[in-house]
C-alpha atoms as a PDB file:
ATOM      1  CA  MET A   1      -5.223 -22.633  -7.466  1.00  0.00           C
ATOM      2  CA  ALA A   2      -2.861 -21.366  -4.795  1.00  0.00           C
ATOM      3  CA  MET A   3      -2.299 -17.628  -4.665  1.00  0.00           C
ATOM      4  CA  MET A   4       1.055 -16.766  -6.191  1.00  0.00           C
ATOM      5  CA  TRP A   5       3.191 -13.721  -5.505  1.00  0.00           C
ATOM      6  CA  ARG A   6       6.023 -12.537  -7.655  1.00  0.00           C
ATOM      7  CA  MET A   7       8.773 -10.101  -6.808  1.00  0.00           C
ATOM      8  CA  SER A   8       9.774  -7.464  -9.294  1.00  0.00           C
ATOM      9  CA  ILE A   9      12.422  -4.789  -9.360  1.00  0.00           C
ATOM     10  CA  PHE A  10      11.019  -1.513 -10.602  1.00  0.00           C
ATOM     11  CA  ARG A  11      12.489   1.769 -11.726  1.00  0.00           C
ATOM     12  CA  LEU A  12      16.095   0.756 -12.110  1.00  0.00           C
ATOM     13  CA  SER A  13      16.741   3.542 -14.555  1.00  0.00           C
ATOM     14  CA  SER A  14      19.819   2.139 -16.226  1.00  0.00           C
ATOM     15  CA  LEU A  15      22.134  -0.810 -16.430  1.00  0.00           C
ATOM     16  CA  SER A  16      24.708   1.062 -14.358  1.00  0.00           C
ATOM     17  CA  THR A  17      22.083   1.604 -11.635  1.00  0.00           C
ATOM     18  CA  ALA A  18      21.241  -2.092 -11.642  1.00  0.00           C
ATOM     19  CA  LEU A  19      24.910  -3.086 -11.586  1.00  0.00           C
ATOM     20  CA  GLY A  20      25.426  -0.775  -8.603  1.00  0.00           C
ATOM     21  CA  TYR A  21      23.569  -3.297  -6.466  1.00  0.00           C
ATOM     22  CA  LEU A  22      26.039  -6.047  -7.331  1.00  0.00           C
ATOM     23  CA  GLY A  23      29.284  -6.540  -5.445  1.00  0.00           C
ATOM     24  CA  GLY A  24      32.157  -8.773  -6.360  1.00  0.00           C
ATOM     25  CA  ASP A  25      32.264 -12.372  -7.473  1.00  0.00           C
ATOM     26  CA  GLU A  26      31.379 -13.579  -3.968  1.00  0.00           C
ATOM     27  CA  THR A  27      28.060 -11.686  -3.886  1.00  0.00           C
ATOM     28  CA  ILE A  28      25.062 -13.839  -3.036  1.00  0.00           C
ATOM     29  CA  LEU A  29      22.381 -12.514  -5.388  1.00  0.00           C
ATOM     30  CA  GLU A  30      19.513 -13.453  -3.076  1.00  0.00           C
ATOM     31  CA  ARG A  31      21.146 -11.550  -0.248  1.00  0.00           C
ATOM     32  CA  GLU A  32      23.023  -8.252  -0.614  1.00  0.00           C
ATOM     33  CA  PRO A  33      21.608  -6.994  -3.936  1.00  0.00           C
ATOM     34  CA  ARG A  34      18.034  -7.851  -2.950  1.00  0.00           C
ATOM     35  CA  GLU A  35      18.466  -6.198   0.440  1.00  0.00           C
ATOM     36  CA  GLY A  36      19.878  -3.063  -1.211  1.00  0.00           C
ATOM     37  CA  VAL A  37      17.031  -2.880  -3.710  1.00  0.00           C
ATOM     38  CA  ALA A  38      14.507  -3.340  -0.889  1.00  0.00           C
ATOM     39  CA  ALA A  39      16.194  -0.679   1.251  1.00  0.00           C
ATOM     40  CA  ASP A  40      15.922   1.738  -1.678  1.00  0.00           C
ATOM     41  CA  ARG A  41      12.227   0.834  -1.987  1.00  0.00           C
ATOM     42  CA  GLU A  42      12.694  -0.590  -5.484  1.00  0.00           C
ATOM     43  CA  LEU A  43      11.429  -4.092  -4.649  1.00  0.00           C
ATOM     44  CA  ARG A  44       7.735  -4.834  -4.948  1.00  0.00           C
ATOM     45  CA  ALA A  45       5.507  -7.875  -4.622  1.00  0.00           C
ATOM     46  CA  SER A  46       2.361  -8.265  -6.658  1.00  0.00           C
ATOM     47  CA  ARG A  47      -0.309 -10.915  -6.810  1.00  0.00           C
ATOM     48  CA  HIS A  48      -0.377 -13.090  -9.903  1.00  0.00           C
ATOM     49  CA  ASP A  49      -3.425 -15.253 -10.586  1.00  0.00           C
ATOM     50  CA  GLY A  50      -2.259 -16.850 -13.834  1.00  0.00           C
ATOM     51  CA  PHE A  51       0.162 -19.639 -14.616  1.00  0.00           C
ATOM     52  CA  TRP A  52       3.742 -19.207 -13.462  1.00  0.00           C
ATOM     53  CA  HIS A  53       6.668 -21.593 -13.368  1.00  0.00           C
ATOM     54  CA  PRO A  54      10.368 -20.747 -13.000  1.00  0.00           C
ATOM     55  CA  MET A  55      12.786 -21.421 -15.835  1.00  0.00           C
ATOM     56  CA  GLU A  56      16.076 -20.585 -14.130  1.00  0.00           C
ATOM     57  CA  THR A  57      17.215 -24.203 -14.065  1.00  0.00           C
ATOM     58  CA  TRP A  58      17.455 -27.036 -16.570  1.00  0.00           C
ATOM     59  CA  ARG A  59      14.708 -28.869 -14.668  1.00  0.00           C
ATOM     60  CA  GLY A  60      12.369 -25.874 -14.929  1.00  0.00           C
ATOM     61  CA  ARG A  61      13.054 -25.539 -18.633  1.00  0.00           C
ATOM     62  CA  MET A  62      12.404 -29.226 -19.242  1.00  0.00           C
ATOM     63  CA  THR A  63       9.131 -29.062 -17.296  1.00  0.00           C
ATOM     64  CA  LEU A  64       7.923 -26.146 -19.426  1.00  0.00           C
ATOM     65  CA  GLU A  65       9.040 -27.801 -22.661  1.00  0.00           C
ATOM     66  CA  ARG A  66       7.151 -30.994 -21.734  1.00  0.00           C
ATOM     67  CA  LEU A  67       4.008 -28.924 -21.156  1.00  0.00           C
ATOM     68  CA  TRP A  68       4.474 -27.196 -24.512  1.00  0.00           C
ATOM     69  CA  ASP A  69       5.147 -30.430 -26.388  1.00  0.00           C
ATOM     70  CA  SER A  70       2.080 -32.081 -24.830  1.00  0.00           C
ATOM     71  CA  GLY A  71      -0.167 -29.277 -26.060  1.00  0.00           C
ATOM     72  CA  LYS A  72      -1.175 -28.477 -22.472  1.00  0.00           C
ATOM     73  CA  ALA A  73       0.801 -25.264 -21.988  1.00  0.00           C
ATOM     74  CA  PRO A  74      -1.435 -23.058 -19.808  1.00  0.00           C
ATOM     75  CA  TRP A  75       0.180 -19.856 -21.116  1.00  0.00           C
ATOM     76  CA  LYS A  76      -0.618 -20.634 -24.770  1.00  0.00           C
ATOM     77  CA  CYS A  77      -3.625 -18.601 -25.808  1.00  0.00           C
ATOM     78  CA  TRP A  78      -3.634 -19.008 -29.592  1.00  0.00           C
END
């Protein structure tokens, strides 16, 4: 299995702190907010050896639902 890394935002103490990284409607989330969080040393990367698949899009959701419906969901442990 390929080594996976995930990015996490830590220690954002409140919603107002988190919202402080967002600009207006034209803000590119992968750009300015991420750069601000990184500059404030709130962005971390950690190794993840288990199953991971994004679910931010309809395609990702459908992929995960197909795995679940097939009984082959790697995250199911019961």
